[in-house]
Amino acid sequence: MSGVEKLSKVIASKISTNLSIDKDHEEVLAYGAFALIQTLMSILVIVVFGVFFNVLMESLVISFSAAILRKFSGGDHASSPVNCALIGMIIFGGLSILVKNIVMNINFLYLVAVMIMAFAFTFYIMFKYSPVGCANKPLKNQNIRKHLRRQSIVFVLSLLIINIILITVYLKTKNTYLLSIAVCISTGIVWQSITLVSLGHLIIEKLDKVIGGIKIFKRRTN
């Protein structure tokens, strides 16, 4: 059991004791606490990375775009909440640095072409693979799968509309901040799309093993 799971159970137990809640509701509270702690931890490490490398906006937009799409489309998971947060920091942090440099140095028309390809790729992946289950959420119910796929496509379509608005306003104002947001949105959904296929599974698996190996090495040396 991970530290986050232990903490969530302690929180749920204390709340249940104070409010005289039964065991079934205590498990629901523990699950909610676990999800909240994991989310806050993931956001915190991304914020720290973003502030340190001066890419806070980029890292948050990329991570939130990917995370919200993930709620509908599913995807592979890391072996622990800490590993998940660290993998998110590595991926979203690295992409945010890349995006910041790209926006400043690549021709506008090339950026638009790349964003068009990003959305085309994402729509294709959502139609073909979404949603992807995992060990804890196999998603075998066809009605649920259709509903989640529809939500995935609607969300991506909403982001496409937002991107069109951002680019239109950018053309009138020449505010590169707006262009950066559009590129970050495109980057976030592309990464989430990649996590639904074998390449994404392999990347997450390798990073998970590397982080796990580092943690074991530290325990042995302490």
C-alpha atoms as a PDB file:
ATOM      1  CA  MET A   1       0.000   0.000   0.000  1.00  0.00           C
ATOM      2  CA  SER A   2       1.394   3.418  -0.978  1.00  0.00           C
ATOM      3  CA  GLY A   3       1.767   6.360   1.375  1.00  0.00           C
ATOM      4  CA  VAL A   4      -1.058   8.175  -0.403  1.00  0.00           C
ATOM      5  CA  GLU A   5      -3.394   5.214   0.087  1.00  0.00           C
ATOM      6  CA  LYS A   6      -2.502   5.022   3.785  1.00  0.00           C
ATOM      7  CA  LEU A   7      -3.082   8.758   4.233  1.00  0.00           C
ATOM      8  CA  SER A   8      -6.436   8.620   2.433  1.00  0.00           C
ATOM      9  CA  LYS A   9      -7.566   5.733   4.665  1.00  0.00           C
ATOM     10  CA  VAL A  10      -6.513   7.633   7.801  1.00  0.00           C
ATOM     11  CA  ILE A  11      -8.432  10.722   6.667  1.00  0.00           C
ATOM     12  CA  ALA A  12     -11.517   8.645   5.824  1.00  0.00           C
ATOM     13  CA  SER A  13     -11.312   6.807   9.158  1.00  0.00           C
ATOM     14  CA  LYS A  14     -11.143  10.023  11.186  1.00  0.00           C
ATOM     15  CA  ILE A  15     -14.053  11.577   9.282  1.00  0.00           C
ATOM     16  CA  SER A  16     -16.097   8.382   9.675  1.00  0.00           C
ATOM     17  CA  THR A  17     -15.410   8.241  13.402  1.00  0.00           C
ATOM     18  CA  ASN A  18     -16.389  11.872  13.943  1.00  0.00           C
ATOM     19  CA  LEU A  19     -19.549  11.615  11.818  1.00  0.00           C
ATOM     20  CA  SER A  20     -20.476   8.015  12.738  1.00  0.00           C
ATOM     21  CA  ILE A  21     -20.327   6.859   9.100  1.00  0.00           C
ATOM     22  CA  ASP A  22     -20.537   3.141   8.224  1.00  0.00           C
ATOM     23  CA  LYS A  23     -17.751   1.152   6.544  1.00  0.00           C
ATOM     24  CA  ASP A  24     -19.209   1.305   3.041  1.00  0.00           C
ATOM     25  CA  HIS A  25     -19.334   5.105   3.092  1.00  0.00           C
ATOM     26  CA  GLU A  26     -15.884   5.171   4.675  1.00  0.00           C
ATOM     27  CA  GLU A  27     -14.501   3.352   1.625  1.00  0.00           C
ATOM     28  CA  VAL A  28     -16.129   5.938  -0.635  1.00  0.00           C
ATOM     29  CA  LEU A  29     -14.529   8.709   1.436  1.00  0.00           C
ATOM     30  CA  ALA A  30     -11.148   6.961   1.234  1.00  0.00           C
ATOM     31  CA  TYR A  31     -11.430   6.722  -2.563  1.00  0.00           C
ATOM     32  CA  GLY A  32     -12.366  10.413  -2.795  1.00  0.00           C
ATOM     33  CA  ALA A  33      -9.518  11.420  -0.505  1.00  0.00           C
ATOM     34  CA  PHE A  34      -7.092   9.305  -2.531  1.00  0.00           C
ATOM     35  CA  ALA A  35      -8.184  10.931  -5.808  1.00  0.00           C
ATOM     36  CA  LEU A  36      -7.976  14.427  -4.282  1.00  0.00           C
ATOM     37  CA  ILE A  37      -4.514  13.892  -2.760  1.00  0.00           C
ATOM     38  CA  GLN A  38      -3.177  12.410  -6.003  1.00  0.00           C
ATOM     39  CA  THR A  39      -4.584  15.300  -8.032  1.00  0.00           C
ATOM     40  CA  LEU A  40      -3.171  17.943  -5.680  1.00  0.00           C
ATOM     41  CA  MET A  41       0.214  16.214  -5.608  1.00  0.00           C
ATOM     42  CA  SER A  42       0.346  16.063  -9.414  1.00  0.00           C
ATOM     43  CA  ILE A  43      -0.591  19.736  -9.735  1.00  0.00           C
ATOM     44  CA  LEU A  44       1.949  20.747  -7.088  1.00  0.00           C
ATOM     45  CA  VAL A  45       4.945  19.098  -8.772  1.00  0.00           C
ATOM     46  CA  ILE A  46       3.944  20.568 -12.144  1.00  0.00           C
ATOM     47  CA  VAL A  47       3.567  24.047 -10.611  1.00  0.00           C
ATOM     48  CA  VAL A  48       6.965  23.770  -8.901  1.00  0.00           C
ATOM     49  CA  PHE A  49       8.572  22.681 -12.172  1.00  0.00           C
ATOM     50  CA  GLY A  50       6.786  25.428 -14.107  1.00  0.00           C
ATOM     51  CA  VAL A  51       7.853  28.166 -11.711  1.00  0.00           C
ATOM     52  CA  PHE A  52      11.441  26.911 -11.564  1.00  0.00           C
ATOM     53  CA  PHE A  53      11.838  26.755 -15.363  1.00  0.00           C
ATOM     54  CA  ASN A  54       9.589  29.738 -16.104  1.00  0.00           C
ATOM     55  CA  VAL A  55       7.034  27.643 -18.028  1.00  0.00           C
ATOM     56  CA  LEU A  56       4.146  27.694 -15.536  1.00  0.00           C
ATOM     57  CA  MET A  57       1.442  28.664 -18.026  1.00  0.00           C
ATOM     58  CA  GLU A  58       2.639  26.197 -20.641  1.00  0.00           C
ATOM     59  CA  SER A  59       2.914  23.269 -18.224  1.00  0.00           C
ATOM     60  CA  LEU A  60      -0.513  23.913 -16.675  1.00  0.00           C
ATOM     61  CA  VAL A  61      -2.326  24.259 -20.016  1.00  0.00           C
ATOM     62  CA  ILE A  62      -0.700  21.128 -21.424  1.00  0.00           C
ATOM     63  CA  SER A  63      -1.353  19.082 -18.286  1.00  0.00           C
ATOM     64  CA  PHE A  64      -4.970  20.197 -17.834  1.00  0.00           C
ATOM     65  CA  SER A  65      -5.796  19.616 -21.520  1.00  0.00           C
ATOM     66  CA  ALA A  66      -4.376  16.104 -21.307  1.00  0.00           C
ATOM     67  CA  ALA A  67      -5.862  15.360 -17.870  1.00  0.00           C
ATOM     68  CA  ILE A  68      -9.424  16.361 -18.774  1.00  0.00           C
ATOM     69  CA  LEU A  69      -9.308  14.369 -22.017  1.00  0.00           C
ATOM     70  CA  ARG A  70      -7.920  11.438 -20.017  1.00  0.00           C
ATOM     71  CA  LYS A  71     -11.057  11.443 -17.835  1.00  0.00           C
ATOM     72  CA  PHE A  72     -13.060  10.463 -20.926  1.00  0.00           C
ATOM     73  CA  SER A  73     -10.539   8.492 -22.985  1.00  0.00           C
ATOM     74  CA  GLY A  74      -8.725   6.538 -20.252  1.00  0.00           C
ATOM     75  CA  GLY A  75      -5.178   5.296 -20.630  1.00  0.00           C
ATOM     76  CA  ASP A  76      -2.329   3.493 -18.913  1.00  0.00           C
ATOM     77  CA  HIS A  77      -1.430   4.133 -15.254  1.00  0.00           C
ATOM     78  CA  ALA A  78       1.827   4.259 -13.331  1.00  0.00           C
ATOM     79  CA  SER A  79       2.462   1.793 -10.498  1.00  0.00           C
ATOM     80  CA  SER A  80       1.947   4.388  -7.737  1.00  0.00           C
ATOM     81  CA  PRO A  81       0.537   7.916  -7.234  1.00  0.00           C
ATOM     82  CA  VAL A  82       4.043   9.305  -6.612  1.00  0.00           C
ATOM     83  CA  ASN A  83       5.341   7.758  -9.824  1.00  0.00           C
ATOM     84  CA  CYS A  84       2.314   9.127 -11.656  1.00  0.00           C
ATOM     85  CA  ALA A  85       3.014  12.650 -10.384  1.00  0.00           C
ATOM     86  CA  LEU A  86       6.714  12.430 -11.285  1.00  0.00           C
ATOM     87  CA  ILE A  87       6.002  11.049 -14.758  1.00  0.00           C
ATOM     88  CA  GLY A  88       3.535  13.900 -15.286  1.00  0.00           C
ATOM     89  CA  MET A  89       6.178  16.404 -14.223  1.00  0.00           C
ATOM     90  CA  ILE A  90       8.759  14.905 -16.597  1.00  0.00           C
ATOM     91  CA  ILE A  91       6.413  14.673 -19.589  1.00  0.00           C
ATOM     92  CA  PHE A  92       4.471  17.915 -19.188  1.00  0.00           C
ATOM     93  CA  GLY A  93       7.519  19.835 -18.016  1.00  0.00           C
ATOM     94  CA  GLY A  94       9.591  18.673 -20.952  1.00  0.00           C
ATOM     95  CA  LEU A  95       6.798  19.424 -23.421  1.00  0.00           C
ATOM     96  CA  SER A  96       6.250  22.896 -21.935  1.00  0.00           C
ATOM     97  CA  ILE A  97       9.917  23.812 -22.407  1.00  0.00           C
ATOM     98  CA  LEU A  98       9.772  22.478 -25.958  1.00  0.00           C
ATOM     99  CA  VAL A  99       6.592  24.428 -26.751  1.00  0.00           C
ATOM    100  CA  LYS A 100       7.977  27.685 -25.364  1.00  0.00           C
ATOM    101  CA  ASN A 101      11.002  27.429 -27.647  1.00  0.00           C
ATOM    102  CA  ILE A 102       8.947  26.343 -30.662  1.00  0.00           C
ATOM    103  CA  VAL A 103       6.455  29.229 -30.453  1.00  0.00           C
ATOM    104  CA  MET A 104       9.261  31.769 -30.352  1.00  0.00           C
ATOM    105  CA  ASN A 105      11.263  30.280 -33.223  1.00  0.00           C
ATOM    106  CA  ILE A 106       8.914  28.651 -35.773  1.00  0.00           C
ATOM    107  CA  ASN A 107       6.936  30.334 -38.533  1.00  0.00           C
ATOM    108  CA  PHE A 108       3.247  30.925 -37.754  1.00  0.00           C
ATOM    109  CA  LEU A 109       1.998  28.957 -40.778  1.00  0.00           C
ATOM    110  CA  TYR A 110       4.082  25.948 -39.745  1.00  0.00           C
ATOM    111  CA  LEU A 111       2.578  26.130 -36.255  1.00  0.00           C
ATOM    112  CA  VAL A 112      -0.949  26.201 -37.679  1.00  0.00           C
ATOM    113  CA  ALA A 113      -0.155  23.216 -39.913  1.00  0.00           C
ATOM    114  CA  VAL A 114       1.227  21.285 -36.925  1.00  0.00           C
ATOM    115  CA  MET A 115      -1.863  22.115 -34.848  1.00  0.00           C
ATOM    116  CA  ILE A 116      -4.163  20.947 -37.652  1.00  0.00           C
ATOM    117  CA  MET A 117      -2.263  17.654 -37.782  1.00  0.00           C
ATOM    118  CA  ALA A 118      -2.411  17.414 -33.980  1.00  0.00           C
ATOM    119  CA  PHE A 119      -6.200  17.677 -33.939  1.00  0.00           C
ATOM    120  CA  ALA A 120      -6.574  15.327 -36.930  1.00  0.00           C
ATOM    121  CA  PHE A 121      -4.405  12.755 -35.150  1.00  0.00           C
ATOM    122  CA  THR A 122      -6.342  13.173 -31.897  1.00  0.00           C
ATOM    123  CA  PHE A 123      -9.735  12.769 -33.570  1.00  0.00           C
ATOM    124  CA  TYR A 124      -8.479   9.616 -35.292  1.00  0.00           C
ATOM    125  CA  ILE A 125      -7.196   8.110 -32.020  1.00  0.00           C
ATOM    126  CA  MET A 126     -10.393   9.026 -30.147  1.00  0.00           C
ATOM    127  CA  PHE A 127     -12.583   7.421 -32.831  1.00  0.00           C
ATOM    128  CA  LYS A 128     -10.462   4.270 -33.050  1.00  0.00           C
ATOM    129  CA  TYR A 129      -9.205   3.607 -29.500  1.00  0.00           C
ATOM    130  CA  SER A 130     -11.093   5.689 -26.931  1.00  0.00           C
ATOM    131  CA  PRO A 131     -11.778   4.771 -24.207  1.00  0.00           C
ATOM    132  CA  VAL A 132      -8.865   2.582 -23.093  1.00  0.00           C
ATOM    133  CA  GLY A 133      -9.378   0.737 -19.822  1.00  0.00           C
ATOM    134  CA  CYS A 134      -6.873  -0.486 -17.253  1.00  0.00           C
ATOM    135  CA  ALA A 135      -6.686  -3.236 -14.624  1.00  0.00           C
ATOM    136  CA  ASN A 136      -8.907  -1.306 -12.196  1.00  0.00           C
ATOM    137  CA  LYS A 137     -11.256  -0.027 -14.941  1.00  0.00           C
ATOM    138  CA  PRO A 138     -11.578  -2.591 -17.738  1.00  0.00           C
ATOM    139  CA  LEU A 139     -14.515  -0.699 -19.358  1.00  0.00           C
ATOM    140  CA  LYS A 140     -16.262  -3.727 -20.864  1.00  0.00           C
ATOM    141  CA  ASN A 141     -19.749  -2.201 -20.893  1.00  0.00           C
ATOM    142  CA  GLN A 142     -20.394  -1.105 -24.498  1.00  0.00           C
ATOM    143  CA  ASN A 143     -22.867   1.620 -23.541  1.00  0.00           C
ATOM    144  CA  ILE A 144     -20.342   3.197 -21.179  1.00  0.00           C
ATOM    145  CA  ARG A 145     -17.633   2.916 -23.844  1.00  0.00           C
ATOM    146  CA  LYS A 146     -19.807   4.661 -26.429  1.00  0.00           C
ATOM    147  CA  HIS A 147     -20.703   7.391 -23.948  1.00  0.00           C
ATOM    148  CA  LEU A 148     -17.044   8.014 -23.019  1.00  0.00           C
ATOM    149  CA  ARG A 149     -15.966   7.982 -26.679  1.00  0.00           C
ATOM    150  CA  ARG A 150     -18.635  10.539 -27.479  1.00  0.00           C
ATOM    151  CA  GLN A 151     -17.502  12.728 -24.590  1.00  0.00           C
ATOM    152  CA  SER A 152     -13.880  12.441 -25.739  1.00  0.00           C
ATOM    153  CA  ILE A 153     -14.782  13.606 -29.244  1.00  0.00           C
ATOM    154  CA  VAL A 154     -17.003  16.432 -27.986  1.00  0.00           C
ATOM    155  CA  PHE A 155     -14.234  17.652 -25.669  1.00  0.00           C
ATOM    156  CA  VAL A 156     -11.649  17.630 -28.465  1.00  0.00           C
ATOM    157  CA  LEU A 157     -14.114  19.464 -30.717  1.00  0.00           C
ATOM    158  CA  SER A 158     -14.584  22.088 -27.979  1.00  0.00           C
ATOM    159  CA  LEU A 159     -10.825  22.560 -27.754  1.00  0.00           C
ATOM    160  CA  LEU A 160     -10.639  22.899 -31.540  1.00  0.00           C
ATOM    161  CA  ILE A 161     -13.171  25.753 -31.380  1.00  0.00           C
ATOM    162  CA  ILE A 162     -11.178  27.383 -28.568  1.00  0.00           C
ATOM    163  CA  ASN A 163      -7.999  27.089 -30.634  1.00  0.00           C
ATOM    164  CA  ILE A 164      -9.673  28.670 -33.671  1.00  0.00           C
ATOM    165  CA  ILE A 165     -10.793  31.594 -31.491  1.00  0.00           C
ATOM    166  CA  LEU A 166      -7.314  31.975 -29.961  1.00  0.00           C
ATOM    167  CA  ILE A 167      -5.625  31.986 -33.374  1.00  0.00           C
ATOM    168  CA  THR A 168      -8.189  34.444 -34.782  1.00  0.00           C
ATOM    169  CA  VAL A 169      -7.623  36.848 -31.892  1.00  0.00           C
ATOM    170  CA  TYR A 170      -3.850  36.365 -32.220  1.00  0.00           C
ATOM    171  CA  LEU A 171      -3.991  37.437 -35.874  1.00  0.00           C
ATOM    172  CA  LYS A 172      -5.676  40.676 -34.812  1.00  0.00           C
ATOM    173  CA  THR A 173      -3.593  41.422 -31.699  1.00  0.00           C
ATOM    174  CA  LYS A 174      -0.273  39.628 -32.402  1.00  0.00           C
ATOM    175  CA  ASN A 175      -0.287  38.532 -28.754  1.00  0.00           C
ATOM    176  CA  THR A 176       2.019  35.492 -28.721  1.00  0.00           C
ATOM    177  CA  TYR A 177       0.586  34.489 -25.337  1.00  0.00           C
ATOM    178  CA  LEU A 178      -2.614  33.426 -27.113  1.00  0.00           C
ATOM    179  CA  LEU A 179      -0.669  31.465 -29.716  1.00  0.00           C
ATOM    180  CA  SER A 180       1.254  29.693 -26.952  1.00  0.00           C
ATOM    181  CA  ILE A 181      -1.992  28.614 -25.281  1.00  0.00           C
ATOM    182  CA  ALA A 182      -3.274  27.212 -28.595  1.00  0.00           C
ATOM    183  CA  VAL A 183      -0.053  25.247 -29.142  1.00  0.00           C
ATOM    184  CA  CYS A 184      -0.135  23.971 -25.542  1.00  0.00           C
ATOM    185  CA  ILE A 185      -3.716  22.736 -25.939  1.00  0.00           C
ATOM    186  CA  SER A 186      -2.724  20.900 -29.124  1.00  0.00           C
ATOM    187  CA  THR A 187       0.309  19.406 -27.399  1.00  0.00           C
ATOM    188  CA  GLY A 188      -1.700  18.223 -24.396  1.00  0.00           C
ATOM    189  CA  ILE A 189      -4.282  16.339 -26.434  1.00  0.00           C
ATOM    190  CA  VAL A 190      -1.630  14.767 -28.676  1.00  0.00           C
ATOM    191  CA  TRP A 191       0.226  13.416 -25.640  1.00  0.00           C
ATOM    192  CA  GLN A 192      -2.997  11.996 -24.203  1.00  0.00           C
ATOM    193  CA  SER A 193      -3.738  10.390 -27.575  1.00  0.00           C
ATOM    194  CA  ILE A 194      -0.279   8.784 -27.575  1.00  0.00           C
ATOM    195  CA  THR A 195      -0.961   7.252 -24.140  1.00  0.00           C
ATOM    196  CA  LEU A 196      -3.833   5.273 -25.683  1.00  0.00           C
ATOM    197  CA  VAL A 197      -1.532   3.368 -28.058  1.00  0.00           C
ATOM    198  CA  SER A 198       1.412   1.029 -27.550  1.00  0.00           C
ATOM    199  CA  LEU A 199       4.036   3.795 -27.846  1.00  0.00           C
ATOM    200  CA  GLY A 200       2.501   5.698 -24.927  1.00  0.00           C
ATOM    201  CA  HIS A 201       2.207   2.528 -22.856  1.00  0.00           C
ATOM    202  CA  LEU A 202       5.890   1.812 -23.484  1.00  0.00           C
ATOM    203  CA  ILE A 203       7.007   5.353 -22.523  1.00  0.00           C
ATOM    204  CA  ILE A 204       5.012   5.301 -19.278  1.00  0.00           C
ATOM    205  CA  GLU A 205       6.192   1.784 -18.446  1.00  0.00           C
ATOM    206  CA  LYS A 206       9.870   2.695 -18.981  1.00  0.00           C
ATOM    207  CA  LEU A 207       9.609   5.915 -16.939  1.00  0.00           C
ATOM    208  CA  ASP A 208       7.749   4.035 -14.206  1.00  0.00           C
ATOM    209  CA  LYS A 209      10.531   1.448 -13.994  1.00  0.00           C
ATOM    210  CA  VAL A 210      13.281   4.096 -13.969  1.00  0.00           C
ATOM    211  CA  ILE A 211      11.589   6.092 -11.179  1.00  0.00           C
ATOM    212  CA  GLY A 212      10.882   2.890  -9.238  1.00  0.00           C
ATOM    213  CA  GLY A 213      14.525   1.841  -9.606  1.00  0.00           C
ATOM    214  CA  ILE A 214      15.754   5.205  -8.331  1.00  0.00           C
ATOM    215  CA  LYS A 215      13.455   4.988  -5.293  1.00  0.00           C
ATOM    216  CA  ILE A 216      14.698   1.457  -4.461  1.00  0.00           C
ATOM    217  CA  PHE A 217      18.322   2.570  -4.846  1.00  0.00           C
ATOM    218  CA  LYS A 218      17.754   5.487  -2.473  1.00  0.00           C
ATOM    219  CA  ARG A 219      16.212   3.220   0.150  1.00  0.00           C
ATOM    220  CA  ARG A 220      19.186   0.875  -0.024  1.00  0.00           C
ATOM    221  CA  THR A 221      21.747   3.675   0.275  1.00  0.00           C
ATOM    222  CA  ASN A 222      20.013   5.366   3.228  1.00  0.00           C
END
